[in-house]
Amino acid sequence: MQTHIVPVGFDYDRMIAPLIRDQFDVDRVILLEGTVGSEANVEYSRNIARKLEQDFRNLLGAETVRERLDDVYDYDAAFERAFDLINAELDRDEGVDDADEREVWVNLCSMPRPVSFAFATAAHSIMVERQTDRDRIHTYYTAPEKYLETELAEELRATRDLLRDLDDGSDAEALADAGVDADRVADRLASTTDLLAEFDERGTTIGAKRIGDRHVIELPVASFQNVKPFEELVLFTLGEHGEFESVSELAETLAAELNEEYTDSFRSKVIYNVDRLGPGGKGYIEREEHGKSYRTSLSRIGQLWVRAHADEDRDVA
């Protein structure tokens, strides 16, 4: 059994065509729609999602549901959503025969890049955490047979040339007799020429959008190693307190939360685990030299790990 998680952007064929052509056995599809952007872009994406919903059911016989992503540029929220969705789908058929275990396939073709990278990183993270299930998790991409932008631009050039012929004044009387407004032709010629000039100079996009207080969204890399129970406690404690001026301060807080005596041995245990979680290890913790000590906090991927696991029961060994 297969669940396909499909973030929907402006593509149709790449969302469904490869599954039909390669004869995938799809029994469940989750379509994710973005709700941020211009009204026209959002509505266009919703129309694509509606068509996909219908065709996944009719052509592949798949149970299909549509869900929304509130902000397609919120990488952290997309990571958390992906983490929850993939885990939930892996666990959907608990207790069935091994031969019928569900596989989860994540389509990375469409939707803005923050969503695609967030879902890919979340899938990778789950593969690390659920070693026995790693063969049940897949991310995939499909290349288009052709891009329509260049063909649209060529058609627009032909339209511009036609408008130039109509605007040259030689057929003004004929245009008037045909009920064509010469000023309208001139306006359309000017806007078409300007749009083509922008396309030729800048390609298919313009500018850099401000997202939050920056124009750059950092895309953290997942760890290649699983997190052990005591390491989990270290991460959750950092997530709760934000930052510690030293590892000793972190160790004191952990000892108090565990009702353990703060000893050199316990402090050494914390230092060892912080080192394993730090830049030279799993990369979940950042350490900044501060006098004779190291200010300790979560890295970006560490923050995402804590966010994704915040609702889980913790058993510290």
Protein backbone atom coordinates (compact mmCIF):
# COMPACT_ATOMS: atom_id res chain seq x y z
CA MET A 1 0.00 0.00 0.00
CA GLN A 2 1.23 3.45 -0.86
CA THR A 3 0.48 6.94 0.42
CA HIS A 4 1.69 9.79 -1.77
CA ILE A 5 2.15 13.19 -0.15
CA VAL A 6 1.90 15.80 -2.89
CA PRO A 7 2.53 19.51 -2.20
CA VAL A 8 0.61 21.24 -5.01
CA GLY A 9 1.99 24.25 -6.85
CA PHE A 10 1.31 25.13 -10.48
CA ASP A 11 2.04 21.69 -12.00
CA TYR A 12 -0.46 19.02 -12.96
CA ASP A 13 1.31 16.41 -15.11
CA ARG A 14 4.30 15.92 -12.80
CA MET A 15 1.98 15.23 -9.87
CA ILE A 16 0.12 12.31 -11.43
CA ALA A 17 1.45 11.33 -14.88
CA PRO A 18 4.56 9.39 -13.69
CA LEU A 19 2.43 7.35 -11.27
CA ILE A 20 0.10 6.33 -14.09
CA ARG A 21 2.86 5.64 -16.61
CA ASP A 22 4.99 3.64 -14.15
CA GLN A 23 1.90 1.83 -12.83
CA PHE A 24 2.27 2.76 -9.17
CA ASP A 25 -0.16 1.09 -6.77
CA VAL A 26 -1.47 4.24 -5.09
CA ASP A 27 -4.24 3.80 -2.55
CA ARG A 28 -4.05 7.12 -0.65
CA VAL A 29 -3.03 10.66 -1.65
CA ILE A 30 -2.61 13.76 0.51
CA LEU A 31 -2.70 16.98 -1.54
CA LEU A 32 -1.24 20.02 0.22
CA GLU A 33 -2.36 23.46 -0.97
CA GLY A 34 -0.57 26.71 -0.24
CA THR A 35 -2.57 29.72 0.95
CA VAL A 36 0.06 32.47 0.59
CA GLY A 37 0.65 34.56 -2.53
CA SER A 38 -1.42 36.63 -4.88
CA GLU A 39 -5.12 35.84 -5.07
CA ALA A 40 -4.68 34.68 -8.66
CA ASN A 41 -1.81 32.33 -7.76
CA VAL A 42 -3.68 30.81 -4.82
CA GLU A 43 -6.81 30.25 -6.89
CA TYR A 44 -4.79 28.73 -9.73
CA SER A 45 -3.16 26.28 -7.31
CA ARG A 46 -6.54 25.38 -5.83
CA ASN A 47 -7.91 24.65 -9.29
CA ILE A 48 -4.97 22.32 -9.94
CA ALA A 49 -5.60 20.61 -6.57
CA ARG A 50 -9.29 20.12 -7.40
CA LYS A 51 -8.43 18.53 -10.75
CA LEU A 52 -5.78 16.31 -9.13
CA GLU A 53 -8.23 15.23 -6.43
CA GLN A 54 -10.72 14.15 -9.05
CA ASP A 55 -8.20 12.40 -11.28
CA PHE A 56 -6.36 10.56 -8.49
CA ARG A 57 -9.72 9.07 -7.55
CA ASN A 58 -10.96 8.35 -11.05
CA LEU A 59 -7.72 7.24 -12.73
CA LEU A 60 -5.91 5.54 -9.84
CA GLY A 61 -8.78 4.70 -7.50
CA ALA A 62 -6.97 6.39 -4.63
CA GLU A 63 -8.52 7.80 -1.49
CA THR A 64 -7.67 11.49 -1.81
CA VAL A 65 -7.73 14.26 0.78
CA ARG A 66 -6.83 17.92 0.48
CA GLU A 67 -5.12 19.86 3.25
CA ARG A 68 -3.72 23.37 3.49
CA LEU A 69 -0.32 24.76 4.36
CA ASP A 70 -0.83 28.15 5.95
CA ASP A 71 2.49 29.62 4.82
CA VAL A 72 4.56 28.03 2.04
CA TYR A 73 7.57 30.13 3.08
CA ASP A 74 7.57 28.97 6.72
CA TYR A 75 10.24 26.28 6.55
CA ASP A 76 9.95 25.32 10.23
CA ALA A 77 6.19 24.82 10.07
CA ALA A 78 6.52 22.83 6.82
CA PHE A 79 9.17 20.59 8.42
CA GLU A 80 6.95 19.94 11.44
CA ARG A 81 3.94 19.24 9.21
CA ALA A 82 5.97 16.85 7.06
CA PHE A 83 7.38 15.08 10.12
CA ASP A 84 3.88 14.52 11.53
CA LEU A 85 2.34 13.50 8.21
CA ILE A 86 5.00 10.96 7.27
CA ASN A 87 5.04 9.35 10.72
CA ALA A 88 1.24 9.21 10.81
CA GLU A 89 1.07 7.53 7.42
CA LEU A 90 3.77 5.00 8.34
CA ASP A 91 1.73 4.09 11.41
CA ARG A 92 -1.64 4.13 9.67
CA ASP A 93 -1.84 0.36 9.16
CA GLU A 94 -0.19 -0.92 12.34
CA GLY A 95 -0.80 -4.61 12.86
CA VAL A 96 -1.20 -5.55 9.19
CA ASP A 97 0.94 -8.21 7.54
CA ASP A 98 4.47 -7.14 6.63
CA ALA A 99 3.64 -7.68 2.97
CA ASP A 100 0.94 -5.00 3.22
CA GLU A 101 2.95 -2.41 5.17
CA ARG A 102 2.36 1.10 3.93
CA GLU A 103 5.02 2.97 2.00
CA VAL A 104 5.13 6.76 2.00
CA TRP A 105 6.19 8.59 -1.16
CA VAL A 106 6.84 12.34 -1.03
CA ASN A 107 6.63 14.27 -4.31
CA LEU A 108 9.18 17.12 -4.43
CA CYS A 109 8.34 18.52 -7.89
CA SER A 110 6.11 21.44 -7.10
CA MET A 111 5.30 24.04 -4.40
CA PRO A 112 7.90 26.67 -3.37
CA ARG A 113 11.36 25.35 -2.51
CA PRO A 114 11.07 25.82 1.28
CA VAL A 115 8.26 23.25 1.33
CA SER A 116 10.10 20.80 -0.95
CA PHE A 117 13.32 21.00 1.07
CA ALA A 118 11.45 20.81 4.38
CA PHE A 119 9.63 17.66 3.33
CA ALA A 120 12.83 16.09 1.98
CA THR A 121 14.74 16.88 5.19
CA ALA A 122 11.89 15.59 7.37
CA ALA A 123 11.76 12.35 5.38
CA HIS A 124 15.52 11.97 5.79
CA SER A 125 15.29 12.61 9.53
CA ILE A 126 12.59 9.97 9.94
CA MET A 127 14.69 7.47 7.99
CA VAL A 128 17.45 8.01 10.55
CA GLU A 129 15.11 7.66 13.53
CA ARG A 130 13.15 4.69 12.19
CA GLN A 131 15.89 2.48 10.80
CA THR A 132 13.61 -0.53 10.35
CA ASP A 133 11.21 1.59 8.27
CA ARG A 134 13.73 3.40 6.07
CA ASP A 135 12.84 1.26 3.03
CA ARG A 136 9.22 2.39 3.38
CA ILE A 137 10.05 6.10 2.97
CA HIS A 138 10.72 7.59 -0.46
CA THR A 139 11.23 11.06 -1.89
CA TYR A 140 10.99 11.54 -5.63
CA TYR A 141 11.23 14.09 -8.43
CA THR A 142 9.99 14.04 -12.02
CA ALA A 143 11.48 16.19 -14.78
CA PRO A 144 9.02 17.88 -17.16
CA GLU A 145 9.04 16.95 -20.83
CA LYS A 146 9.04 20.67 -21.65
CA TYR A 147 8.70 24.04 -19.98
CA LEU A 148 5.86 26.28 -21.09
CA GLU A 149 7.54 29.59 -20.14
CA THR A 150 9.65 29.77 -23.29
CA GLU A 151 6.75 28.76 -25.52
CA LEU A 152 4.55 31.39 -23.89
CA ALA A 153 7.29 33.97 -24.48
CA GLU A 154 7.51 33.03 -28.17
CA GLU A 155 3.75 33.32 -28.56
CA LEU A 156 3.91 36.69 -26.82
CA ARG A 157 6.59 37.84 -29.28
CA ALA A 158 4.35 36.87 -32.19
CA THR A 159 1.48 38.77 -30.59
CA ARG A 160 3.73 41.82 -30.12
CA ASP A 161 4.73 41.75 -33.80
CA LEU A 162 1.07 41.56 -34.82
CA LEU A 163 0.21 44.49 -32.56
CA ARG A 164 3.07 46.48 -34.09
CA ASP A 165 1.66 45.89 -37.55
CA LEU A 166 -1.76 47.04 -36.37
CA ASP A 167 -0.30 50.07 -34.62
CA ASP A 168 1.80 51.41 -37.49
CA GLY A 169 -1.07 53.65 -38.61
CA SER A 170 -1.36 52.34 -42.17
CA ASP A 171 -4.58 50.46 -41.44
CA ALA A 172 -6.12 52.96 -39.01
CA GLU A 173 -9.22 53.37 -41.14
CA ALA A 174 -9.66 49.62 -41.52
CA LEU A 175 -9.31 49.17 -37.75
CA ALA A 176 -11.94 51.81 -37.15
CA ASP A 177 -14.29 50.17 -39.65
CA ALA A 178 -13.75 46.84 -37.83
CA GLY A 179 -14.57 48.41 -34.49
CA VAL A 180 -11.04 48.01 -33.10
CA ASP A 181 -9.91 50.74 -30.71
CA ALA A 182 -6.49 51.99 -31.87
CA ASP A 183 -5.64 53.24 -28.37
CA ARG A 184 -6.32 49.80 -26.96
CA VAL A 185 -3.97 48.26 -29.52
CA ALA A 186 -1.27 50.76 -28.53
CA ASP A 187 -1.74 50.00 -24.83
CA ARG A 188 -1.53 46.25 -25.37
CA LEU A 189 1.56 46.68 -27.54
CA ALA A 190 3.30 48.74 -24.85
CA SER A 191 2.51 46.32 -21.99
CA THR A 192 3.47 43.27 -24.08
CA THR A 193 6.78 44.88 -25.10
CA ASP A 194 7.57 45.78 -21.48
CA LEU A 195 6.77 42.28 -20.23
CA LEU A 196 8.97 40.64 -22.87
CA ALA A 197 11.81 43.02 -22.02
CA GLU A 198 11.59 41.97 -18.36
CA PHE A 199 11.48 38.30 -19.33
CA ASP A 200 14.54 38.63 -21.57
CA GLU A 201 16.48 40.50 -18.88
CA ARG A 202 15.48 38.61 -15.73
CA GLY A 203 14.03 35.24 -16.69
CA THR A 204 10.83 33.89 -15.16
CA THR A 205 11.01 35.70 -11.80
CA ILE A 206 11.63 39.24 -10.58
CA GLY A 207 13.20 40.49 -7.37
CA ALA A 208 13.79 38.83 -3.99
CA LYS A 209 10.82 38.67 -1.62
CA ARG A 210 11.27 39.65 2.01
CA ILE A 211 10.18 36.79 4.26
CA GLY A 212 9.98 37.81 7.89
CA ASP A 213 12.94 40.07 8.58
CA ARG A 214 15.24 38.58 5.92
CA HIS A 215 15.38 37.77 2.24
CA VAL A 216 17.08 34.40 2.83
CA ILE A 217 15.54 31.23 4.28
CA GLU A 218 18.16 28.93 5.80
CA LEU A 219 17.68 25.29 4.81
CA PRO A 220 19.31 23.17 7.53
CA VAL A 221 20.70 19.70 6.87
CA ALA A 222 19.41 16.70 8.80
CA SER A 223 21.69 14.63 11.01
CA PHE A 224 22.86 11.22 9.85
CA GLN A 225 22.63 9.79 13.39
CA ASN A 226 19.79 8.97 15.74
CA VAL A 227 19.29 10.71 19.08
CA LYS A 228 19.70 8.72 22.29
CA PRO A 229 17.39 9.14 25.33
CA PHE A 230 19.73 11.30 27.45
CA GLU A 231 20.59 13.38 24.39
CA GLU A 232 16.85 13.93 23.94
CA LEU A 233 16.66 15.37 27.46
CA VAL A 234 19.56 17.72 26.72
CA LEU A 235 17.83 18.95 23.56
CA PHE A 236 14.44 19.43 25.21
CA THR A 237 16.06 21.32 28.09
CA LEU A 238 17.81 23.64 25.66
CA GLY A 239 14.55 24.05 23.78
CA GLU A 240 12.76 25.04 26.98
CA HIS A 241 15.40 27.45 28.29
CA GLY A 242 16.79 28.73 24.99
CA GLU A 243 20.44 29.18 25.99
CA PHE A 244 22.88 28.45 28.78
CA GLU A 245 25.95 30.52 29.57
CA SER A 246 27.98 27.35 30.15
CA VAL A 247 27.70 23.58 30.00
CA SER A 248 27.98 23.57 33.81
CA GLU A 249 24.83 25.69 34.05
CA LEU A 250 23.07 23.29 31.71
CA ALA A 251 24.25 20.34 33.80
CA GLU A 252 22.97 21.95 37.01
CA THR A 253 19.55 22.49 35.44
CA LEU A 254 19.40 18.90 34.19
CA ALA A 255 20.37 17.53 37.60
CA ALA A 256 17.62 19.57 39.24
CA GLU A 257 15.00 18.40 36.73
CA LEU A 258 16.04 14.76 37.24
CA ASN A 259 16.31 15.11 41.01
CA GLU A 260 19.90 13.90 40.78
CA GLU A 261 22.88 15.08 42.74
CA TYR A 262 25.06 17.47 40.78
CA THR A 263 28.45 15.74 40.80
CA ASP A 264 31.57 15.82 38.65
CA SER A 265 30.45 12.52 37.18
CA PHE A 266 27.05 13.91 36.18
CA ARG A 267 28.67 17.06 34.78
CA SER A 268 31.05 14.91 32.71
CA LYS A 269 28.08 12.95 31.39
CA VAL A 270 26.42 16.17 30.23
CA ILE A 271 29.64 17.44 28.64
CA TYR A 272 30.04 14.14 26.78
CA ASN A 273 26.49 14.29 25.41
CA VAL A 274 26.76 17.97 24.47
CA ASP A 275 29.94 17.14 22.55
CA ARG A 276 28.12 14.35 20.71
CA LEU A 277 25.31 16.74 19.83
CA GLY A 278 27.61 19.62 18.89
CA PRO A 279 29.16 20.81 15.62
CA GLY A 280 31.67 17.96 15.52
CA GLY A 281 28.93 15.39 16.11
CA LYS A 282 25.26 15.39 15.22
CA GLY A 283 24.98 19.14 14.72
CA TYR A 284 21.97 19.78 16.94
CA ILE A 285 23.81 22.11 19.34
CA GLU A 286 25.84 25.26 18.80
CA ARG A 287 28.63 26.27 21.20
CA GLU A 288 30.04 29.79 21.26
CA GLU A 289 33.22 30.49 23.21
CA HIS A 290 32.47 32.97 26.00
CA GLY A 291 35.44 33.68 28.25
CA LYS A 292 36.51 30.40 29.82
CA SER A 293 33.19 28.70 29.08
CA TYR A 294 30.99 27.97 26.09
CA ARG A 295 27.56 29.51 25.61
CA THR A 296 25.33 26.58 24.57
CA SER A 297 22.15 26.67 22.48
CA LEU A 298 20.26 24.70 19.84
CA SER A 299 21.31 24.91 16.20
CA ARG A 300 18.63 25.45 13.56
CA ILE A 301 18.22 21.71 12.92
CA GLY A 302 18.19 21.19 16.69
CA GLN A 303 15.31 23.64 17.02
CA LEU A 304 13.44 21.77 14.29
CA TRP A 305 14.08 18.44 16.02
CA VAL A 306 12.66 19.76 19.30
CA ARG A 307 9.67 21.29 17.53
CA ALA A 308 8.89 18.05 15.69
CA HIS A 309 9.18 15.91 18.85
CA ALA A 310 7.57 18.31 21.33
CA ASP A 311 4.41 16.24 21.85
CA GLU A 312 6.13 12.89 22.35
CA ASP A 313 6.39 11.08 25.68
CA ARG A 314 9.98 11.00 26.85
CA ASP A 315 11.67 8.09 28.61
CA VAL A 316 15.15 9.10 29.77
CA ALA A 317 17.68 6.36 30.39
